[in-house]
Amino acid sequence: MPTRVTSPVEDRKRLARRLAGSGRGFAEQYGFRVVNNPASLFQVLCLAVLLARRGDFRRALDSAHALPAAGWDSAARLARSPHAGRARVLRDSGQRGDVDALADTLGDLARAVVQRYRGDLRRLRAVAHHDPARERELLTELPGVDAAVVDLFLREAQALWREVAPVADRRALAAARRLGLGSSADDLAGLAGSGESERLAWLVGALARVDLERRYAELAG
């Protein structure tokens, strides 16, 4: 029986399905729930702030887990935390550099979310009337949040906030180019399927993991 020859398009779709099926995106693969409630969304935003810093991404993950483990699992609770306590938890979880500045940033971020949106980022979405450009604008007005942080946050949140899709951060796009899956968020959306923002979030998150964990060799086989 002759061997079936697959097309490059079929190969790309097969690899995209393999990646999207390997886990529920980036944050959930590392133990952060991506659900549409205030505490979870704020934790994902804190994770994005930490991941955007230079250094080993595992330190960012450890610190993002350490904050709720210390009892600061929401914007309101983190806003009430003492600066010295935040700095200690960040240092103990492996943060390097100006940890005091990072502790200040996270405290300022929490207080801003509480003061502007009553601790609930869903209110930011409502204020923006579900307009993606306005959502990005409001997010970047928060302390410690720049365009890179917004991409990291929306990479996860697009599974819930479908209007922002497609979103892919720089690491996901680097992996996509290296694996021949495209060079833009639109390319990845085409592979995920029209209107499949959740599957797109899984695919983009998986690609980011591939780049961070340098797992290219295992996908070449």
N, C-alpha and C. Protein backbone atom coordinates (compact mmCIF):
# COMPACT_ATOMS: atom_id res chain seq x y z
N MET A 1 0.86 -1.20 0.00
CA MET A 1 0.00 0.00 0.00
C MET A 1 0.89 1.25 0.00
N PRO A 2 0.67 2.18 -0.93
CA PRO A 2 1.54 3.35 -1.01
C PRO A 2 1.44 4.22 0.23
N THR A 3 2.56 4.82 0.59
CA THR A 3 2.61 5.73 1.74
C THR A 3 1.92 7.04 1.40
N ARG A 4 1.04 7.47 2.28
CA ARG A 4 0.33 8.73 2.04
C ARG A 4 1.27 9.91 2.30
N VAL A 5 1.37 10.79 1.35
CA VAL A 5 2.22 11.97 1.47
C VAL A 5 1.37 13.12 1.99
N THR A 6 1.78 13.68 3.11
CA THR A 6 1.01 14.79 3.67
C THR A 6 1.54 16.12 3.15
N SER A 7 0.68 17.11 3.11
CA SER A 7 1.06 18.43 2.65
C SER A 7 1.64 19.24 3.80
N PRO A 8 2.40 20.29 3.49
CA PRO A 8 2.91 21.16 4.56
C PRO A 8 1.80 21.73 5.43
N VAL A 9 0.65 22.04 4.82
CA VAL A 9 -0.46 22.58 5.59
C VAL A 9 -0.97 21.55 6.58
N GLU A 10 -1.12 20.31 6.12
CA GLU A 10 -1.57 19.24 7.02
C GLU A 10 -0.56 19.01 8.15
N ASP A 11 0.73 19.09 7.81
CA ASP A 11 1.77 18.91 8.84
C ASP A 11 1.67 20.00 9.89
N ARG A 12 1.46 21.24 9.46
CA ARG A 12 1.35 22.35 10.41
C ARG A 12 0.12 22.17 11.31
N LYS A 13 -0.98 21.78 10.72
CA LYS A 13 -2.21 21.59 11.51
C LYS A 13 -2.04 20.44 12.50
N ARG A 14 -1.35 19.40 12.09
CA ARG A 14 -1.13 18.26 12.99
C ARG A 14 -0.26 18.69 14.17
N LEU A 15 0.80 19.45 13.91
CA LEU A 15 1.65 19.93 14.99
C LEU A 15 0.89 20.88 15.90
N ALA A 16 0.06 21.74 15.33
CA ALA A 16 -0.73 22.67 16.14
C ALA A 16 -1.69 21.90 17.05
N ARG A 17 -2.33 20.86 16.52
CA ARG A 17 -3.22 20.04 17.35
C ARG A 17 -2.45 19.35 18.47
N ARG A 18 -1.26 18.87 18.15
CA ARG A 18 -0.43 18.21 19.16
C ARG A 18 -0.07 19.18 20.28
N LEU A 19 0.30 20.40 19.92
CA LEU A 19 0.68 21.39 20.92
C LEU A 19 -0.53 21.83 21.74
N ALA A 20 -1.63 22.13 21.06
CA ALA A 20 -2.82 22.60 21.78
C ALA A 20 -3.39 21.52 22.69
N GLY A 21 -3.16 20.26 22.33
CA GLY A 21 -3.69 19.17 23.14
C GLY A 21 -2.77 18.73 24.26
N SER A 22 -1.60 19.38 24.38
CA SER A 22 -0.61 18.94 25.37
C SER A 22 -0.85 19.53 26.76
N GLY A 23 -1.79 20.45 26.88
CA GLY A 23 -2.06 21.08 28.17
C GLY A 23 -2.91 22.31 27.97
N ARG A 24 -3.40 22.86 29.05
CA ARG A 24 -4.32 23.99 28.94
C ARG A 24 -3.56 25.31 28.99
N GLY A 25 -2.83 25.56 27.91
CA GLY A 25 -2.14 26.83 27.81
C GLY A 25 -0.90 26.90 28.69
N PHE A 26 -0.45 28.11 28.96
CA PHE A 26 0.76 28.31 29.75
C PHE A 26 0.47 28.32 31.23
N ALA A 27 -0.36 29.25 31.67
CA ALA A 27 -0.58 29.44 33.11
C ALA A 27 -1.13 28.18 33.76
N GLU A 28 -2.12 27.56 33.15
CA GLU A 28 -2.73 26.39 33.77
C GLU A 28 -1.77 25.20 33.81
N GLN A 29 -0.88 25.12 32.84
CA GLN A 29 0.11 24.05 32.86
C GLN A 29 1.01 24.16 34.09
N TYR A 30 1.20 25.39 34.57
CA TYR A 30 2.07 25.62 35.73
C TYR A 30 1.27 25.86 37.01
N GLY A 31 0.00 25.52 37.00
CA GLY A 31 -0.76 25.52 38.23
C GLY A 31 -1.57 26.76 38.54
N PHE A 32 -1.77 27.63 37.55
CA PHE A 32 -2.59 28.82 37.75
C PHE A 32 -3.91 28.65 37.00
N ARG A 33 -5.01 28.74 37.72
CA ARG A 33 -6.32 28.58 37.09
C ARG A 33 -6.67 29.82 36.29
N VAL A 34 -7.08 29.62 35.05
CA VAL A 34 -7.52 30.73 34.20
C VAL A 34 -9.03 30.64 34.10
N VAL A 35 -9.70 31.27 35.06
CA VAL A 35 -11.16 31.31 35.10
C VAL A 35 -11.59 32.75 35.32
N ASN A 36 -12.83 33.04 34.97
CA ASN A 36 -13.29 34.43 34.95
C ASN A 36 -13.80 34.85 36.33
N ASN A 37 -12.87 34.86 37.31
CA ASN A 37 -13.23 35.41 38.61
C ASN A 37 -12.12 36.38 39.06
N PRO A 38 -12.40 37.29 39.98
CA PRO A 38 -11.44 38.35 40.31
C PRO A 38 -10.09 37.84 40.79
N ALA A 39 -10.07 36.86 41.67
CA ALA A 39 -8.80 36.39 42.23
C ALA A 39 -7.94 35.75 41.15
N SER A 40 -8.53 34.89 40.33
CA SER A 40 -7.76 34.19 39.30
C SER A 40 -7.20 35.16 38.27
N LEU A 41 -8.01 36.10 37.81
CA LEU A 41 -7.54 37.06 36.83
C LEU A 41 -6.41 37.92 37.38
N PHE A 42 -6.52 38.31 38.66
CA PHE A 42 -5.46 39.12 39.24
C PHE A 42 -4.18 38.31 39.39
N GLN A 43 -4.28 37.06 39.76
CA GLN A 43 -3.09 36.22 39.87
C GLN A 43 -2.41 36.05 38.52
N VAL A 44 -3.19 35.92 37.45
CA VAL A 44 -2.61 35.82 36.11
C VAL A 44 -1.92 37.13 35.74
N LEU A 45 -2.49 38.26 36.14
CA LEU A 45 -1.85 39.55 35.86
C LEU A 45 -0.53 39.66 36.62
N CYS A 46 -0.50 39.26 37.88
CA CYS A 46 0.75 39.26 38.64
C CYS A 46 1.78 38.34 37.99
N LEU A 47 1.33 37.17 37.54
CA LEU A 47 2.23 36.26 36.84
C LEU A 47 2.83 36.94 35.61
N ALA A 48 2.00 37.66 34.87
CA ALA A 48 2.48 38.36 33.67
C ALA A 48 3.54 39.40 34.03
N VAL A 49 3.31 40.15 35.10
CA VAL A 49 4.30 41.15 35.54
C VAL A 49 5.63 40.48 35.87
N LEU A 50 5.57 39.36 36.56
CA LEU A 50 6.79 38.66 36.96
C LEU A 50 7.49 38.01 35.76
N LEU A 51 6.72 37.44 34.84
CA LEU A 51 7.32 36.81 33.67
C LEU A 51 8.00 37.81 32.75
N ALA A 52 7.53 39.05 32.76
CA ALA A 52 8.10 40.07 31.88
C ALA A 52 9.48 40.53 32.35
N ARG A 53 9.85 40.21 33.59
CA ARG A 53 11.17 40.56 34.10
C ARG A 53 12.24 39.65 33.51
N ARG A 54 13.45 40.16 33.47
CA ARG A 54 14.57 39.33 33.02
C ARG A 54 14.88 38.27 34.06
N GLY A 55 15.41 37.15 33.58
CA GLY A 55 15.79 36.09 34.49
C GLY A 55 15.07 34.79 34.20
N ASP A 56 15.40 33.78 34.96
CA ASP A 56 14.82 32.45 34.79
C ASP A 56 13.31 32.52 35.02
N PHE A 57 12.56 32.02 34.05
CA PHE A 57 11.10 32.07 34.17
C PHE A 57 10.59 31.26 35.35
N ARG A 58 11.38 30.29 35.80
CA ARG A 58 10.95 29.49 36.95
C ARG A 58 10.88 30.33 38.22
N ARG A 59 11.75 31.32 38.33
CA ARG A 59 11.66 32.22 39.48
C ARG A 59 10.36 33.01 39.46
N ALA A 60 9.97 33.43 38.26
CA ALA A 60 8.69 34.14 38.13
C ALA A 60 7.54 33.25 38.56
N LEU A 61 7.56 32.00 38.13
CA LEU A 61 6.51 31.06 38.51
C LEU A 61 6.49 30.84 40.01
N ASP A 62 7.68 30.66 40.59
CA ASP A 62 7.77 30.44 42.04
C ASP A 62 7.22 31.63 42.81
N SER A 63 7.57 32.84 42.36
CA SER A 63 7.10 34.04 43.06
C SER A 63 5.60 34.21 42.89
N ALA A 64 5.10 33.92 41.69
CA ALA A 64 3.66 34.05 41.45
C ALA A 64 2.86 33.07 42.30
N HIS A 65 3.43 31.91 42.59
CA HIS A 65 2.79 30.95 43.49
C HIS A 65 2.94 31.37 44.95
N ALA A 66 4.08 31.98 45.27
CA ALA A 66 4.37 32.32 46.67
C ALA A 66 3.44 33.41 47.20
N LEU A 67 3.02 34.33 46.35
CA LEU A 67 2.15 35.42 46.82
C LEU A 67 0.82 34.90 47.35
N PRO A 68 0.05 34.12 46.59
CA PRO A 68 -1.20 33.58 47.16
C PRO A 68 -0.94 32.61 48.30
N ALA A 69 0.19 31.90 48.25
CA ALA A 69 0.50 30.98 49.35
C ALA A 69 0.69 31.74 50.66
N ALA A 70 1.13 33.01 50.56
CA ALA A 70 1.30 33.85 51.75
C ALA A 70 -0.02 34.46 52.22
N GLY A 71 -1.11 34.15 51.50
CA GLY A 71 -2.42 34.68 51.86
C GLY A 71 -2.88 35.84 51.02
N TRP A 72 -2.07 36.23 50.04
CA TRP A 72 -2.39 37.39 49.20
C TRP A 72 -2.87 36.90 47.83
N ASP A 73 -4.04 36.27 47.83
CA ASP A 73 -4.54 35.62 46.62
C ASP A 73 -5.51 36.49 45.83
N SER A 74 -5.66 37.74 46.21
CA SER A 74 -6.54 38.65 45.48
C SER A 74 -5.93 40.04 45.52
N ALA A 75 -6.45 40.93 44.68
CA ALA A 75 -5.95 42.31 44.68
C ALA A 75 -6.17 42.96 46.04
N ALA A 76 -7.32 42.73 46.63
CA ALA A 76 -7.63 43.36 47.93
C ALA A 76 -6.66 42.90 49.00
N ARG A 77 -6.35 41.61 49.04
CA ARG A 77 -5.45 41.09 50.07
C ARG A 77 -4.01 41.53 49.82
N LEU A 78 -3.58 41.52 48.57
CA LEU A 78 -2.23 41.98 48.28
C LEU A 78 -2.09 43.47 48.57
N ALA A 79 -3.15 44.23 48.31
CA ALA A 79 -3.12 45.67 48.57
C ALA A 79 -2.92 45.96 50.06
N ARG A 80 -3.38 45.07 50.91
CA ARG A 80 -3.26 45.28 52.36
C ARG A 80 -1.96 44.69 52.93
N SER A 81 -1.18 44.03 52.10
CA SER A 81 0.04 43.38 52.60
C SER A 81 1.13 44.41 52.88
N PRO A 82 1.98 44.17 53.87
CA PRO A 82 3.07 45.10 54.16
C PRO A 82 4.19 44.98 53.13
N HIS A 83 4.82 46.10 52.85
CA HIS A 83 5.92 46.09 51.88
C HIS A 83 7.00 45.08 52.28
N ALA A 84 7.39 45.09 53.55
CA ALA A 84 8.46 44.19 54.01
C ALA A 84 8.07 42.73 53.80
N GLY A 85 6.80 42.42 54.01
CA GLY A 85 6.33 41.05 53.81
C GLY A 85 6.41 40.64 52.36
N ARG A 86 5.98 41.53 51.46
CA ARG A 86 6.07 41.21 50.03
C ARG A 86 7.52 41.00 49.61
N ALA A 87 8.40 41.89 50.06
CA ALA A 87 9.81 41.77 49.69
C ALA A 87 10.41 40.47 50.20
N ARG A 88 10.07 40.09 51.40
CA ARG A 88 10.59 38.85 51.96
C ARG A 88 10.12 37.64 51.15
N VAL A 89 8.83 37.61 50.83
CA VAL A 89 8.29 36.48 50.05
C VAL A 89 8.94 36.42 48.68
N LEU A 90 9.15 37.56 48.05
CA LEU A 90 9.79 37.59 46.73
C LEU A 90 11.23 37.10 46.79
N ARG A 91 11.97 37.54 47.81
CA ARG A 91 13.36 37.08 47.95
C ARG A 91 13.40 35.59 48.23
N ASP A 92 12.53 35.14 49.13
CA ASP A 92 12.52 33.72 49.48
C ASP A 92 12.15 32.83 48.29
N SER A 93 11.41 33.38 47.35
CA SER A 93 11.00 32.60 46.17
C SER A 93 12.01 32.72 45.02
N GLY A 94 13.13 33.40 45.29
CA GLY A 94 14.21 33.41 44.30
C GLY A 94 14.40 34.67 43.49
N GLN A 95 13.61 35.71 43.76
CA GLN A 95 13.76 36.94 42.99
C GLN A 95 15.12 37.58 43.24
N ARG A 96 15.68 38.16 42.20
CA ARG A 96 16.97 38.84 42.27
C ARG A 96 16.81 40.29 41.81
N GLY A 97 17.85 41.07 41.92
CA GLY A 97 17.79 42.46 41.48
C GLY A 97 17.13 43.32 42.54
N ASP A 98 16.45 44.36 42.08
CA ASP A 98 15.83 45.31 42.99
C ASP A 98 14.48 44.76 43.46
N VAL A 99 14.54 43.90 44.47
CA VAL A 99 13.33 43.24 44.95
C VAL A 99 12.41 44.24 45.64
N ASP A 100 12.98 45.24 46.31
CA ASP A 100 12.14 46.24 46.97
C ASP A 100 11.29 47.00 45.95
N ALA A 101 11.87 47.32 44.79
CA ALA A 101 11.11 48.00 43.75
C ALA A 101 10.00 47.11 43.22
N LEU A 102 10.29 45.82 43.06
CA LEU A 102 9.28 44.89 42.59
C LEU A 102 8.15 44.77 43.62
N ALA A 103 8.51 44.73 44.89
CA ALA A 103 7.49 44.67 45.94
C ALA A 103 6.61 45.91 45.91
N ASP A 104 7.23 47.07 45.68
CA ASP A 104 6.46 48.31 45.55
C ASP A 104 5.51 48.23 44.35
N THR A 105 6.04 47.76 43.22
CA THR A 105 5.23 47.68 42.00
C THR A 105 4.00 46.80 42.20
N LEU A 106 4.20 45.64 42.80
CA LEU A 106 3.07 44.72 43.01
C LEU A 106 2.06 45.30 43.98
N GLY A 107 2.54 45.98 45.01
CA GLY A 107 1.63 46.64 45.94
C GLY A 107 0.84 47.74 45.27
N ASP A 108 1.55 48.56 44.47
CA ASP A 108 0.88 49.65 43.74
C ASP A 108 -0.14 49.09 42.75
N LEU A 109 0.22 48.00 42.09
CA LEU A 109 -0.69 47.37 41.14
C LEU A 109 -1.96 46.91 41.84
N ALA A 110 -1.80 46.23 42.96
CA ALA A 110 -2.96 45.73 43.69
C ALA A 110 -3.86 46.87 44.15
N ARG A 111 -3.25 47.91 44.68
CA ARG A 111 -4.06 49.05 45.16
C ARG A 111 -4.79 49.73 44.01
N ALA A 112 -4.15 49.84 42.85
CA ALA A 112 -4.80 50.47 41.70
C ALA A 112 -5.99 49.64 41.22
N VAL A 113 -5.83 48.32 41.19
CA VAL A 113 -6.94 47.46 40.77
C VAL A 113 -8.10 47.58 41.76
N VAL A 114 -7.78 47.69 43.04
CA VAL A 114 -8.83 47.85 44.05
C VAL A 114 -9.51 49.20 43.91
N GLN A 115 -8.73 50.26 43.78
CA GLN A 115 -9.29 51.61 43.74
C GLN A 115 -10.08 51.88 42.46
N ARG A 116 -9.60 51.37 41.33
CA ARG A 116 -10.25 51.68 40.05
C ARG A 116 -11.34 50.68 39.69
N TYR A 117 -11.14 49.42 40.08
CA TYR A 117 -12.05 48.36 39.61
C TYR A 117 -12.57 47.49 40.75
N ARG A 118 -12.47 47.98 41.98
CA ARG A 118 -12.93 47.23 43.15
C ARG A 118 -12.34 45.83 43.22
N GLY A 119 -11.10 45.73 42.78
CA GLY A 119 -10.38 44.47 42.85
C GLY A 119 -10.73 43.46 41.79
N ASP A 120 -11.51 43.86 40.80
CA ASP A 120 -12.06 42.92 39.81
C ASP A 120 -11.74 43.40 38.40
N LEU A 121 -10.85 42.71 37.72
CA LEU A 121 -10.47 43.10 36.36
C LEU A 121 -11.60 42.92 35.35
N ARG A 122 -12.63 42.20 35.73
CA ARG A 122 -13.80 42.12 34.85
C ARG A 122 -14.47 43.49 34.73
N ARG A 123 -14.31 44.32 35.76
CA ARG A 123 -14.85 45.68 35.69
C ARG A 123 -14.07 46.52 34.69
N LEU A 124 -12.76 46.27 34.58
CA LEU A 124 -11.97 46.94 33.54
C LEU A 124 -12.52 46.59 32.17
N ARG A 125 -12.82 45.33 31.98
CA ARG A 125 -13.38 44.89 30.71
C ARG A 125 -14.72 45.57 30.44
N ALA A 126 -15.54 45.70 31.47
CA ALA A 126 -16.84 46.35 31.31
C ALA A 126 -16.68 47.84 31.00
N VAL A 127 -15.74 48.50 31.69
CA VAL A 127 -15.48 49.92 31.43
C VAL A 127 -15.04 50.12 29.98
N ALA A 128 -14.27 49.17 29.46
CA ALA A 128 -13.80 49.24 28.07
C ALA A 128 -14.87 48.84 27.07
N HIS A 129 -16.05 48.41 27.56
CA HIS A 129 -17.14 47.95 26.68
C HIS A 129 -16.69 46.83 25.75
N HIS A 130 -15.81 45.97 26.27
CA HIS A 130 -15.31 44.81 25.54
C HIS A 130 -14.57 45.21 24.26
N ASP A 131 -14.03 46.41 24.22
CA ASP A 131 -13.25 46.86 23.07
C ASP A 131 -11.78 46.51 23.32
N PRO A 132 -11.16 45.67 22.49
CA PRO A 132 -9.80 45.20 22.76
C PRO A 132 -8.78 46.32 22.89
N ALA A 133 -8.85 47.33 22.03
CA ALA A 133 -7.89 48.42 22.10
C ALA A 133 -8.02 49.18 23.40
N ARG A 134 -9.26 49.40 23.84
CA ARG A 134 -9.47 50.12 25.10
C ARG A 134 -9.05 49.26 26.29
N GLU A 135 -9.28 47.96 26.22
CA GLU A 135 -8.84 47.06 27.29
C GLU A 135 -7.32 47.12 27.44
N ARG A 136 -6.63 47.10 26.32
CA ARG A 136 -5.16 47.22 26.36
C ARG A 136 -4.75 48.56 26.96
N GLU A 137 -5.42 49.61 26.56
CA GLU A 137 -5.08 50.94 27.06
C GLU A 137 -5.27 51.01 28.58
N LEU A 138 -6.38 50.52 29.06
CA LEU A 138 -6.65 50.56 30.51
C LEU A 138 -5.67 49.68 31.28
N LEU A 139 -5.31 48.56 30.72
CA LEU A 139 -4.34 47.69 31.39
C LEU A 139 -2.98 48.38 31.51
N THR A 140 -2.54 49.06 30.46
CA THR A 140 -1.23 49.72 30.51
C THR A 140 -1.23 50.94 31.42
N GLU A 141 -2.39 51.39 31.85
CA GLU A 141 -2.45 52.48 32.82
C GLU A 141 -2.22 52.01 34.24
N LEU A 142 -2.19 50.69 34.43
CA LEU A 142 -1.96 50.13 35.76
C LEU A 142 -0.45 50.11 36.07
N PRO A 143 -0.06 50.29 37.32
CA PRO A 143 1.37 50.28 37.68
C PRO A 143 2.04 48.95 37.31
N GLY A 144 3.21 49.06 36.71
CA GLY A 144 3.98 47.88 36.37
C GLY A 144 3.54 47.14 35.13
N VAL A 145 2.54 47.67 34.44
CA VAL A 145 1.99 46.98 33.27
C VAL A 145 2.34 47.75 32.00
N ASP A 146 3.16 47.13 31.15
CA ASP A 146 3.48 47.71 29.85
C ASP A 146 2.93 46.79 28.76
N ALA A 147 3.29 47.08 27.52
CA ALA A 147 2.74 46.32 26.40
C ALA A 147 3.11 44.84 26.48
N ALA A 148 4.33 44.55 26.93
CA ALA A 148 4.76 43.15 27.04
C ALA A 148 3.95 42.42 28.10
N VAL A 149 3.69 43.07 29.23
CA VAL A 149 2.88 42.47 30.28
C VAL A 149 1.45 42.23 29.77
N VAL A 150 0.92 43.19 29.04
CA VAL A 150 -0.43 43.03 28.49
C VAL A 150 -0.50 41.81 27.58
N ASP A 151 0.51 41.63 26.73
CA ASP A 151 0.51 40.46 25.84
C ASP A 151 0.52 39.17 26.65
N LEU A 152 1.31 39.13 27.71
CA LEU A 152 1.38 37.93 28.54
C LEU A 152 0.07 37.66 29.26
N PHE A 153 -0.57 38.72 29.73
CA PHE A 153 -1.86 38.56 30.40
C PHE A 153 -2.94 38.13 29.42
N LEU A 154 -3.02 38.81 28.29
CA LEU A 154 -4.08 38.50 27.33
C LEU A 154 -3.84 37.19 26.60
N ARG A 155 -2.58 36.75 26.53
CA ARG A 155 -2.31 35.41 26.00
C ARG A 155 -3.14 34.37 26.73
N GLU A 156 -3.30 34.54 28.04
CA GLU A 156 -4.09 33.62 28.84
C GLU A 156 -5.57 34.01 28.83
N ALA A 157 -5.84 35.32 29.02
CA ALA A 157 -7.21 35.79 29.18
C ALA A 157 -8.04 35.66 27.91
N GLN A 158 -7.40 35.54 26.74
CA GLN A 158 -8.17 35.43 25.50
C GLN A 158 -9.05 34.19 25.48
N ALA A 159 -8.73 33.20 26.31
CA ALA A 159 -9.60 32.03 26.42
C ALA A 159 -10.95 32.41 27.00
N LEU A 160 -10.98 33.50 27.78
CA LEU A 160 -12.20 33.98 28.44
C LEU A 160 -12.73 35.26 27.79
N TRP A 161 -11.82 36.16 27.47
CA TRP A 161 -12.19 37.44 26.86
C TRP A 161 -11.99 37.31 25.35
N ARG A 162 -12.94 36.71 24.70
CA ARG A 162 -12.75 36.31 23.30
C ARG A 162 -12.51 37.48 22.35
N GLU A 163 -12.96 38.65 22.75
CA GLU A 163 -12.82 39.81 21.86
C GLU A 163 -11.38 40.21 21.65
N VAL A 164 -10.46 39.84 22.56
CA VAL A 164 -9.06 40.28 22.42
C VAL A 164 -8.28 39.39 21.47
N ALA A 165 -8.77 38.19 21.19
CA ALA A 165 -8.05 37.26 20.32
C ALA A 165 -7.97 37.80 18.88
N PRO A 166 -6.89 37.50 18.15
CA PRO A 166 -5.79 36.62 18.56
C PRO A 166 -4.65 37.38 19.24
N VAL A 167 -4.08 36.77 20.27
CA VAL A 167 -2.94 37.35 20.99
C VAL A 167 -1.85 36.29 21.07
N ALA A 168 -0.63 36.70 20.76
CA ALA A 168 0.54 35.82 20.92
C ALA A 168 1.70 36.68 21.39
N ASP A 169 2.37 36.24 22.43
CA ASP A 169 3.52 37.00 22.94
C ASP A 169 4.76 36.68 22.11
N ARG A 170 5.85 37.38 22.40
CA ARG A 170 7.04 37.26 21.55
C ARG A 170 7.65 35.86 21.59
N ARG A 171 7.60 35.20 22.76
CA ARG A 171 8.17 33.85 22.83
C ARG A 171 7.35 32.86 22.03
N ALA A 172 6.04 32.98 22.10
CA ALA A 172 5.19 32.09 21.31
C ALA A 172 5.44 32.29 19.82
N LEU A 173 5.60 33.54 19.42
CA LEU A 173 5.85 33.81 18.00
C LEU A 173 7.23 33.33 17.57
N ALA A 174 8.22 33.43 18.47
CA ALA A 174 9.55 32.91 18.15
C ALA A 174 9.48 31.41 17.91
N ALA A 175 8.74 30.70 18.77
CA ALA A 175 8.59 29.26 18.60
C ALA A 175 7.81 28.93 17.33
N ALA A 176 6.77 29.71 17.06
CA ALA A 176 5.96 29.47 15.85
C ALA A 176 6.82 29.59 14.59
N ARG A 177 7.64 30.62 14.55
CA ARG A 177 8.51 30.80 13.37
C ARG A 177 9.49 29.64 13.25
N ARG A 178 10.08 29.25 14.35
CA ARG A 178 11.09 28.18 14.31
C ARG A 178 10.47 26.85 13.91
N LEU A 179 9.23 26.63 14.29
CA LEU A 179 8.54 25.37 13.98
C LEU A 179 7.76 25.42 12.67
N GLY A 180 7.83 26.56 11.98
CA GLY A 180 7.15 26.66 10.70
C GLY A 180 5.66 26.82 10.78
N LEU A 181 5.18 27.36 11.91
CA LEU A 181 3.73 27.51 12.10
C LEU A 181 3.22 28.91 11.77
N GLY A 182 4.11 29.77 11.35
CA GLY A 182 3.69 31.12 11.00
C GLY A 182 4.49 32.16 11.77
N SER A 183 4.14 33.41 11.54
CA SER A 183 4.90 34.49 12.15
C SER A 183 4.02 35.54 12.82
N SER A 184 2.74 35.26 12.93
CA SER A 184 1.83 36.24 13.53
C SER A 184 0.74 35.53 14.34
N ALA A 185 0.09 36.31 15.18
CA ALA A 185 -1.04 35.76 15.94
C ALA A 185 -2.16 35.32 15.00
N ASP A 186 -2.34 36.02 13.90
CA ASP A 186 -3.37 35.63 12.92
C ASP A 186 -3.06 34.27 12.31
N ASP A 187 -1.77 34.03 12.04
CA ASP A 187 -1.38 32.71 11.49
C ASP A 187 -1.77 31.60 12.46
N LEU A 188 -1.50 31.82 13.75
CA LEU A 188 -1.80 30.81 14.75
C LEU A 188 -3.31 30.65 14.93
N ALA A 189 -4.04 31.75 14.83
CA ALA A 189 -5.49 31.67 14.92
C ALA A 189 -6.05 30.81 13.78
N GLY A 190 -5.46 30.92 12.61
CA GLY A 190 -5.90 30.10 11.49
C GLY A 190 -5.70 28.62 11.74
N LEU A 191 -4.63 28.28 12.43
CA LEU A 191 -4.37 26.88 12.77
C LEU A 191 -5.28 26.39 13.88
N ALA A 192 -5.60 27.28 14.82
CA ALA A 192 -6.45 26.90 15.96
C ALA A 192 -7.89 26.70 15.53
N GLY A 193 -8.32 27.47 14.53
CA GLY A 193 -9.70 27.38 14.08
C GLY A 193 -10.44 28.67 14.31
N SER A 194 -11.29 29.04 13.39
CA SER A 194 -12.03 30.29 13.48
C SER A 194 -12.89 30.33 14.73
N GLY A 195 -12.73 31.39 15.50
CA GLY A 195 -13.54 31.59 16.69
C GLY A 195 -13.13 30.75 17.88
N GLU A 196 -12.04 29.99 17.76
CA GLU A 196 -11.61 29.10 18.85
C GLU A 196 -10.58 29.81 19.73
N SER A 197 -11.01 30.82 20.48
CA SER A 197 -10.06 31.58 21.28
C SER A 197 -9.46 30.73 22.40
N GLU A 198 -10.22 29.77 22.93
CA GLU A 198 -9.68 28.91 23.98
C GLU A 198 -8.59 28.00 23.42
N ARG A 199 -8.85 27.38 22.29
CA ARG A 199 -7.83 26.52 21.67
C ARG A 199 -6.63 27.35 21.25
N LEU A 200 -6.85 28.56 20.80
CA LEU A 200 -5.74 29.44 20.44
C LEU A 200 -4.89 29.74 21.67
N ALA A 201 -5.53 30.01 22.81
CA ALA A 201 -4.79 30.27 24.05
C ALA A 201 -3.94 29.06 24.43
N TRP A 202 -4.48 27.87 24.25
CA TRP A 202 -3.72 26.65 24.56
C TRP A 202 -2.52 26.53 23.63
N LEU A 203 -2.75 26.78 22.32
CA LEU A 203 -1.67 26.67 21.35
C LEU A 203 -0.57 27.69 21.63
N VAL A 204 -0.96 28.94 21.84
CA VAL A 204 0.03 30.00 22.08
C VAL A 204 0.79 29.73 23.37
N GLY A 205 0.07 29.31 24.40
CA GLY A 205 0.73 29.00 25.66
C GLY A 205 1.71 27.85 25.52
N ALA A 206 1.33 26.82 24.77
CA ALA A 206 2.22 25.68 24.54
C ALA A 206 3.47 26.12 23.79
N LEU A 207 3.32 27.00 22.82
CA LEU A 207 4.47 27.49 22.08
C LEU A 207 5.41 28.28 22.99
N ALA A 208 4.85 29.09 23.86
CA ALA A 208 5.69 29.83 24.81
C ALA A 208 6.47 28.88 25.70
N ARG A 209 5.83 27.79 26.14
CA ARG A 209 6.52 26.80 26.96
C ARG A 209 7.65 26.13 26.19
N VAL A 210 7.40 25.83 24.93
CA VAL A 210 8.44 25.21 24.10
C VAL A 210 9.67 26.10 24.05
N ASP A 211 9.46 27.39 23.86
CA ASP A 211 10.60 28.30 23.76
C ASP A 211 11.31 28.45 25.10
N LEU A 212 10.55 28.63 26.17
CA LEU A 212 11.16 28.81 27.49
C LEU A 212 11.89 27.56 27.96
N GLU A 213 11.33 26.40 27.67
CA GLU A 213 11.91 25.13 28.13
C GLU A 213 12.86 24.53 27.10
N ARG A 214 13.03 25.22 25.95
CA ARG A 214 13.93 24.77 24.88
C ARG A 214 13.61 23.32 24.48
N ARG A 215 12.34 23.07 24.15
CA ARG A 215 11.87 21.72 23.84
C ARG A 215 11.76 21.48 22.34
N TYR A 216 12.53 22.19 21.55
CA TYR A 216 12.40 22.07 20.10
C TYR A 216 12.79 20.67 19.60
N ALA A 217 13.80 20.09 20.20
CA ALA A 217 14.30 18.80 19.69
C ALA A 217 13.21 17.72 19.75
N GLU A 218 12.43 17.70 20.82
CA GLU A 218 11.42 16.65 20.95
C GLU A 218 10.28 16.81 19.95
N LEU A 219 10.12 18.02 19.41
CA LEU A 219 9.07 18.24 18.42
C LEU A 219 9.55 18.00 16.99
N ALA A 220 10.85 17.83 16.83
CA ALA A 220 11.39 17.64 15.49
C ALA A 220 11.21 16.22 14.99
N GLY A 221 10.95 15.28 15.95
CA GLY A 221 10.80 13.89 15.55
C GLY A 221 9.43 13.55 15.04
